[in-house]
Protein backbone atom coordinates (compact mmCIF):
# COMPACT_ATOMS: atom_id res chain seq x y z
CA UNK A 1 0.00 0.00 0.00
CA UNK A 2 1.28 3.44 -0.81
CA UNK A 3 1.38 6.38 1.57
CA UNK A 4 -1.97 7.84 0.54
CA UNK A 5 -3.98 4.70 1.31
CA UNK A 6 -4.19 3.52 -2.29
CA UNK A 7 -2.14 0.83 -3.98
CA UNK A 8 -1.20 0.66 -7.61
CA UNK A 9 -2.26 -2.30 -9.71
CA UNK A 10 1.24 -3.75 -9.87
CA UNK A 11 1.68 -3.53 -6.09
CA UNK A 12 -1.73 -5.10 -5.53
CA UNK A 13 -0.98 -8.00 -7.88
CA UNK A 14 2.44 -8.57 -6.31
CA UNK A 15 1.09 -8.58 -2.76
CA UNK A 16 -1.74 -10.94 -3.66
CA UNK A 17 0.62 -13.22 -5.59
CA UNK A 18 2.78 -13.62 -2.48
CA UNK A 19 -0.31 -14.83 -0.61
CA UNK A 20 -1.08 -17.33 -3.35
CA UNK A 21 -2.60 -16.96 -6.78
CA UNK A 22 -6.38 -16.99 -6.62
CA UNK A 23 -9.13 -16.78 -9.21
CA UNK A 24 -9.35 -12.98 -9.02
CA UNK A 25 -5.73 -12.60 -10.11
CA UNK A 26 -6.20 -15.14 -12.90
CA UNK A 27 -9.31 -13.32 -14.13
CA UNK A 28 -7.61 -9.92 -13.96
CA UNK A 29 -4.57 -11.22 -15.82
CA UNK A 30 -6.78 -12.73 -18.52
CA UNK A 31 -8.72 -9.49 -18.97
CA UNK A 32 -5.52 -7.45 -19.16
CA UNK A 33 -4.04 -9.86 -21.71
CA UNK A 34 -7.17 -9.75 -23.88
CA UNK A 35 -7.29 -5.94 -23.66
CA UNK A 36 -3.66 -5.62 -24.76
CA UNK A 37 -4.15 -8.10 -27.60
CA UNK A 38 -7.19 -6.14 -28.84
CA UNK A 39 -5.14 -2.92 -28.76
CA UNK A 40 -2.36 -4.59 -30.76
CA UNK A 41 -4.87 -5.91 -33.28
CA UNK A 42 -6.49 -2.47 -33.68
CA UNK A 43 -3.06 -0.89 -34.17
CA UNK A 44 -2.17 -3.50 -36.78
CA UNK A 45 -5.43 -2.98 -38.69
CA UNK A 46 -5.07 0.81 -38.66
CA UNK A 47 -1.45 0.82 -39.80
CA UNK A 48 -2.11 -1.84 -42.43
CA UNK A 49 -5.10 0.14 -43.72
CA UNK A 50 -3.05 3.36 -43.90
CA UNK A 51 -0.26 1.63 -45.81
CA UNK A 52 -2.75 0.33 -48.39
CA UNK A 53 -4.23 3.82 -48.80
CA UNK A 54 -0.74 5.32 -49.21
CA UNK A 55 0.22 2.77 -51.86
CA UNK A 56 -2.97 3.44 -53.82
CA UNK A 57 -2.31 7.20 -54.00
CA UNK A 58 1.30 6.77 -55.09
CA UNK A 59 0.32 5.09 -58.34
PDB file of N, CA and C in Angstrom:
ATOM      1  N   UNK A   1       0.849  -1.170   0.000  1.00  0.00           N
ATOM      2  CA  UNK A   1       0.000   0.000   0.000  1.00  0.00           C
ATOM      3  C   UNK A   1       0.894   1.232   0.000  1.00  0.00           C
ATOM      4  N   UNK A   2       0.493   2.210  -0.754  1.00  0.00           N
ATOM      5  CA  UNK A   2       1.277   3.440  -0.815  1.00  0.00           C
ATOM      6  C   UNK A   2       0.890   4.360   0.326  1.00  0.00           C
ATOM      7  N   UNK A   3       1.577   5.476   0.452  1.00  0.00           N
ATOM      8  CA  UNK A   3       1.380   6.380   1.567  1.00  0.00           C
ATOM      9  C   UNK A   3       0.009   7.011   1.647  1.00  0.00           C
ATOM     10  N   UNK A   4      -0.682   7.155   0.516  1.00  0.00           N
ATOM     11  CA  UNK A   4      -1.971   7.839   0.538  1.00  0.00           C
ATOM     12  C   UNK A   4      -3.147   6.892   0.733  1.00  0.00           C
ATOM     13  N   UNK A   5      -2.898   5.640   1.054  1.00  0.00           N
ATOM     14  CA  UNK A   5      -3.978   4.697   1.310  1.00  0.00           C
ATOM     15  C   UNK A   5      -4.418   3.922   0.085  1.00  0.00           C
ATOM     16  N   UNK A   6      -3.860   4.220  -1.065  1.00  0.00           N
ATOM     17  CA  UNK A   6      -4.194   3.517  -2.293  1.00  0.00           C
ATOM     18  C   UNK A   6      -2.985   2.711  -2.748  1.00  0.00           C
ATOM     19  N   UNK A   7      -3.251   1.606  -3.426  1.00  0.00           N
ATOM     20  CA  UNK A   7      -2.142   0.831  -3.979  1.00  0.00           C
ATOM     21  C   UNK A   7      -2.298   0.758  -5.488  1.00  0.00           C
ATOM     22  N   UNK A   8      -1.168   0.765  -6.160  1.00  0.00           N
ATOM     23  CA  UNK A   8      -1.201   0.663  -7.610  1.00  0.00           C
ATOM     24  C   UNK A   8      -1.524  -0.776  -7.996  1.00  0.00           C
ATOM     25  N   UNK A   9      -1.889  -0.969  -9.244  1.00  0.00           N
ATOM     26  CA  UNK A   9      -2.265  -2.297  -9.706  1.00  0.00           C
ATOM     27  C   UNK A   9      -1.102  -3.272  -9.586  1.00  0.00           C
ATOM     28  N   UNK A  10       0.091  -2.838  -9.944  1.00  0.00           N
ATOM     29  CA  UNK A  10       1.243  -3.746  -9.869  1.00  0.00           C
ATOM     30  C   UNK A  10       1.547  -4.151  -8.429  1.00  0.00           C
ATOM     31  N   UNK A  11       1.440  -3.214  -7.496  1.00  0.00           N
ATOM     32  CA  UNK A  11       1.681  -3.529  -6.088  1.00  0.00           C
ATOM     33  C   UNK A  11       0.603  -4.473  -5.574  1.00  0.00           C
ATOM     34  N   UNK A  12      -0.625  -4.241  -5.961  1.00  0.00           N
ATOM     35  CA  UNK A  12      -1.735  -5.097  -5.534  1.00  0.00           C
ATOM     36  C   UNK A  12      -1.551  -6.523  -6.048  1.00  0.00           C
ATOM     37  N   UNK A  13      -1.184  -6.664  -7.311  1.00  0.00           N
ATOM     38  CA  UNK A  13      -0.981  -7.999  -7.883  1.00  0.00           C
ATOM     39  C   UNK A  13       0.187  -8.700  -7.192  1.00  0.00           C
ATOM     40  N   UNK A  14       1.280  -7.969  -6.968  1.00  0.00           N
ATOM     41  CA  UNK A  14       2.443  -8.573  -6.311  1.00  0.00           C
ATOM     42  C   UNK A  14       2.104  -9.025  -4.895  1.00  0.00           C
ATOM     43  N   UNK A  15       1.403  -8.204  -4.141  1.00  0.00           N
ATOM     44  CA  UNK A  15       1.091  -8.576  -2.761  1.00  0.00           C
ATOM     45  C   UNK A  15       0.127  -9.755  -2.707  1.00  0.00           C
ATOM     46  N   UNK A  16      -0.819  -9.801  -3.633  1.00  0.00           N
ATOM     47  CA  UNK A  16      -1.738 -10.945  -3.658  1.00  0.00           C
ATOM     48  C   UNK A  16      -1.050 -12.202  -4.167  1.00  0.00           C
ATOM     49  N   UNK A  17      -0.096 -12.055  -5.068  1.00  0.00           N
ATOM     50  CA  UNK A  17       0.620 -13.221  -5.587  1.00  0.00           C
ATOM     51  C   UNK A  17       1.468 -13.866  -4.494  1.00  0.00           C
ATOM     52  N   UNK A  18       2.001 -13.065  -3.592  1.00  0.00           N
ATOM     53  CA  UNK A  18       2.778 -13.624  -2.480  1.00  0.00           C
ATOM     54  C   UNK A  18       1.891 -14.452  -1.567  1.00  0.00           C
ATOM     55  N   UNK A  19       0.616 -14.090  -1.451  1.00  0.00           N
ATOM     56  CA  UNK A  19      -0.313 -14.830  -0.605  1.00  0.00           C
ATOM     57  C   UNK A  19      -0.797 -16.099  -1.292  1.00  0.00           C
ATOM     58  N   UNK A  20      -0.610 -16.186  -2.577  1.00  0.00           N
ATOM     59  CA  UNK A  20      -1.081 -17.328  -3.355  1.00  0.00           C
ATOM     60  C   UNK A  20      -1.987 -16.828  -4.459  1.00  0.00           C
ATOM     61  N   UNK A  21      -1.810 -17.383  -5.638  1.00  0.00           N
ATOM     62  CA  UNK A  21      -2.604 -16.956  -6.785  1.00  0.00           C
ATOM     63  C   UNK A  21      -4.028 -17.474  -6.604  1.00  0.00           C
ATOM     64  N   UNK A  22      -4.983 -16.577  -6.720  1.00  0.00           N
ATOM     65  CA  UNK A  22      -6.378 -16.993  -6.620  1.00  0.00           C
ATOM     66  C   UNK A  22      -7.102 -16.678  -7.929  1.00  0.00           C
ATOM     67  N   UNK A  23      -8.367 -16.959  -7.977  1.00  0.00           N
ATOM     68  CA  UNK A  23      -9.132 -16.782  -9.207  1.00  0.00           C
ATOM     69  C   UNK A  23      -9.241 -15.323  -9.623  1.00  0.00           C
ATOM     70  N   UNK A  24      -9.252 -14.399  -8.674  1.00  0.00           N
ATOM     71  CA  UNK A  24      -9.346 -12.981  -9.024  1.00  0.00           C
ATOM     72  C   UNK A  24      -8.119 -12.533  -9.821  1.00  0.00           C
ATOM     73  N   UNK A  25      -6.952 -12.966  -9.399  1.00  0.00           N
ATOM     74  CA  UNK A  25      -5.725 -12.602 -10.110  1.00  0.00           C
ATOM     75  C   UNK A  25      -5.714 -13.236 -11.495  1.00  0.00           C
ATOM     76  N   UNK A  26      -6.141 -14.484 -11.592  1.00  0.00           N
ATOM     77  CA  UNK A  26      -6.202 -15.138 -12.897  1.00  0.00           C
ATOM     78  C   UNK A  26      -7.167 -14.410 -13.822  1.00  0.00           C
ATOM     79  N   UNK A  27      -8.325 -14.025 -13.307  1.00  0.00           N
ATOM     80  CA  UNK A  27      -9.312 -13.320 -14.130  1.00  0.00           C
ATOM     81  C   UNK A  27      -8.787 -11.952 -14.551  1.00  0.00           C
ATOM     82  N   UNK A  28      -8.165 -11.228 -13.639  1.00  0.00           N
ATOM     83  CA  UNK A  28      -7.613  -9.915 -13.957  1.00  0.00           C
ATOM     84  C   UNK A  28      -6.500 -10.030 -14.998  1.00  0.00           C
ATOM     85  N   UNK A  29      -5.648 -11.009 -14.848  1.00  0.00           N
ATOM     86  CA  UNK A  29      -4.570 -11.217 -15.819  1.00  0.00           C
ATOM     87  C   UNK A  29      -5.125 -11.546 -17.193  1.00  0.00           C
ATOM     88  N   UNK A  30      -6.157 -12.370 -17.242  1.00  0.00           N
ATOM     89  CA  UNK A  30      -6.778 -12.725 -18.517  1.00  0.00           C
ATOM     90  C   UNK A  30      -7.398 -11.508 -19.175  1.00  0.00           C
ATOM     91  N   UNK A  31      -8.104 -10.696 -18.407  1.00  0.00           N
ATOM     92  CA  UNK A  31      -8.721  -9.494 -18.966  1.00  0.00           C
ATOM     93  C   UNK A  31      -7.668  -8.515 -19.472  1.00  0.00           C
ATOM     94  N   UNK A  32      -6.591  -8.351 -18.725  1.00  0.00           N
ATOM     95  CA  UNK A  32      -5.523  -7.450 -19.163  1.00  0.00           C
ATOM     96  C   UNK A  32      -4.865  -7.971 -20.437  1.00  0.00           C
ATOM     97  N   UNK A  33      -4.644  -9.275 -20.519  1.00  0.00           N
ATOM     98  CA  UNK A  33      -4.038  -9.865 -21.707  1.00  0.00           C
ATOM     99  C   UNK A  33      -4.932  -9.666 -22.922  1.00  0.00           C
ATOM    100  N   UNK A  34      -6.231  -9.920 -22.770  1.00  0.00           N
ATOM    101  CA  UNK A  34      -7.171  -9.745 -23.883  1.00  0.00           C
ATOM    102  C   UNK A  34      -7.220  -8.288 -24.308  1.00  0.00           C
ATOM    103  N   UNK A  35      -7.246  -7.366 -23.354  1.00  0.00           N
ATOM    104  CA  UNK A  35      -7.286  -5.939 -23.661  1.00  0.00           C
ATOM    105  C   UNK A  35      -6.062  -5.520 -24.467  1.00  0.00           C
ATOM    106  N   UNK A  36      -4.887  -5.970 -24.048  1.00  0.00           N
ATOM    107  CA  UNK A  36      -3.657  -5.621 -24.763  1.00  0.00           C
ATOM    108  C   UNK A  36      -3.657  -6.235 -26.158  1.00  0.00           C
ATOM    109  N   UNK A  37      -4.110  -7.464 -26.285  1.00  0.00           N
ATOM    110  CA  UNK A  37      -4.152  -8.101 -27.601  1.00  0.00           C
ATOM    111  C   UNK A  37      -5.114  -7.373 -28.538  1.00  0.00           C
ATOM    112  N   UNK A  38      -6.250  -6.907 -28.020  1.00  0.00           N
ATOM    113  CA  UNK A  38      -7.194  -6.139 -28.838  1.00  0.00           C
ATOM    114  C   UNK A  38      -6.553  -4.829 -29.279  1.00  0.00           C
ATOM    115  N   UNK A  39      -5.836  -4.158 -28.389  1.00  0.00           N
ATOM    116  CA  UNK A  39      -5.143  -2.922 -28.764  1.00  0.00           C
ATOM    117  C   UNK A  39      -4.107  -3.175 -29.852  1.00  0.00           C
ATOM    118  N   UNK A  40      -3.358  -4.252 -29.737  1.00  0.00           N
ATOM    119  CA  UNK A  40      -2.359  -4.586 -30.759  1.00  0.00           C
ATOM    120  C   UNK A  40      -3.042  -4.877 -32.085  1.00  0.00           C
ATOM    121  N   UNK A  41      -4.137  -5.600 -32.061  1.00  0.00           N
ATOM    122  CA  UNK A  41      -4.875  -5.913 -33.283  1.00  0.00           C
ATOM    123  C   UNK A  41      -5.422  -4.647 -33.933  1.00  0.00           C
ATOM    124  N   UNK A  42      -5.977  -3.740 -33.142  1.00  0.00           N
ATOM    125  CA  UNK A  42      -6.494  -2.473 -33.679  1.00  0.00           C
ATOM    126  C   UNK A  42      -5.359  -1.668 -34.301  1.00  0.00           C
ATOM    127  N   UNK A  43      -4.217  -1.604 -33.625  1.00  0.00           N
ATOM    128  CA  UNK A  43      -3.061  -0.887 -34.165  1.00  0.00           C
ATOM    129  C   UNK A  43      -2.619  -1.502 -35.493  1.00  0.00           C
ATOM    130  N   UNK A  44      -2.575  -2.819 -35.555  1.00  0.00           N
ATOM    131  CA  UNK A  44      -2.172  -3.504 -36.782  1.00  0.00           C
ATOM    132  C   UNK A  44      -3.138  -3.191 -37.919  1.00  0.00           C
ATOM    133  N   UNK A  45      -4.431  -3.248 -37.654  1.00  0.00           N
ATOM    134  CA  UNK A  45      -5.430  -2.983 -38.694  1.00  0.00           C
ATOM    135  C   UNK A  45      -5.317  -1.544 -39.182  1.00  0.00           C
ATOM    136  N   UNK A  46      -5.161  -0.600 -38.267  1.00  0.00           N
ATOM    137  CA  UNK A  46      -5.074   0.812 -38.655  1.00  0.00           C
ATOM    138  C   UNK A  46      -3.821   1.067 -39.486  1.00  0.00           C
ATOM    139  N   UNK A  47      -2.677   0.570 -39.042  1.00  0.00           N
ATOM    140  CA  UNK A  47      -1.448   0.815 -39.797  1.00  0.00           C
ATOM    141  C   UNK A  47      -1.458   0.085 -41.130  1.00  0.00           C
ATOM    142  N   UNK A  48      -2.026  -1.094 -41.179  1.00  0.00           N
ATOM    143  CA  UNK A  48      -2.112  -1.840 -42.426  1.00  0.00           C
ATOM    144  C   UNK A  48      -3.053  -1.126 -43.395  1.00  0.00           C
ATOM    145  N   UNK A  49      -4.139  -0.590 -42.886  1.00  0.00           N
ATOM    146  CA  UNK A  49      -5.100   0.139 -43.721  1.00  0.00           C
ATOM    147  C   UNK A  49      -4.466   1.412 -44.279  1.00  0.00           C
ATOM    148  N   UNK A  50      -3.714   2.129 -43.445  1.00  0.00           N
ATOM    149  CA  UNK A  50      -3.054   3.356 -43.897  1.00  0.00           C
ATOM    150  C   UNK A  50      -2.003   3.063 -44.957  1.00  0.00           C
ATOM    151  N   UNK A  51      -1.288   1.950 -44.822  1.00  0.00           N
ATOM    152  CA  UNK A  51      -0.257   1.634 -45.812  1.00  0.00           C
ATOM    153  C   UNK A  51      -0.888   1.276 -47.150  1.00  0.00           C
ATOM    154  N   UNK A  52      -2.055   0.635 -47.138  1.00  0.00           N
ATOM    155  CA  UNK A  52      -2.748   0.329 -48.391  1.00  0.00           C
ATOM    156  C   UNK A  52      -3.269   1.601 -49.045  1.00  0.00           C
ATOM    157  N   UNK A  53      -3.746   2.546 -48.253  1.00  0.00           N
ATOM    158  CA  UNK A  53      -4.229   3.818 -48.799  1.00  0.00           C
ATOM    159  C   UNK A  53      -3.056   4.588 -49.405  1.00  0.00           C
ATOM    160  N   UNK A  54      -1.926   4.615 -48.719  1.00  0.00           N
ATOM    161  CA  UNK A  54      -0.745   5.318 -49.215  1.00  0.00           C
ATOM    162  C   UNK A  54      -0.215   4.722 -50.503  1.00  0.00           C
ATOM    163  N   UNK A  55      -0.244   3.422 -50.641  1.00  0.00           N
ATOM    164  CA  UNK A  55       0.223   2.767 -51.862  1.00  0.00           C
ATOM    165  C   UNK A  55      -0.711   3.060 -53.026  1.00  0.00           C
ATOM    166  N   UNK A  56      -2.003   3.162 -52.758  1.00  0.00           N
ATOM    167  CA  UNK A  56      -2.969   3.443 -53.818  1.00  0.00           C
ATOM    168  C   UNK A  56      -2.815   4.838 -54.378  1.00  0.00           C
ATOM    169  N   UNK A  57      -2.471   5.804 -53.554  1.00  0.00           N
ATOM    170  CA  UNK A  57      -2.311   7.195 -53.997  1.00  0.00           C
ATOM    171  C   UNK A  57      -1.007   7.404 -54.746  1.00  0.00           C
ATOM    172  N   UNK A  58      -0.005   6.593 -54.463  1.00  0.00           N
ATOM    173  CA  UNK A  58       1.304   6.772 -55.087  1.00  0.00           C
ATOM    174  C   UNK A  58       1.291   6.378 -56.559  1.00  0.00           C
ATOM    175  N   UNK A  59       0.341   5.569 -56.952  1.00  0.00           N
ATOM    176  CA  UNK A  59       0.324   5.094 -58.338  1.00  0.00           C
ATOM    177  C   UNK A  59      -0.336   6.042 -59.237  1.00  0.00           C
TER     178      UNK A  59
END
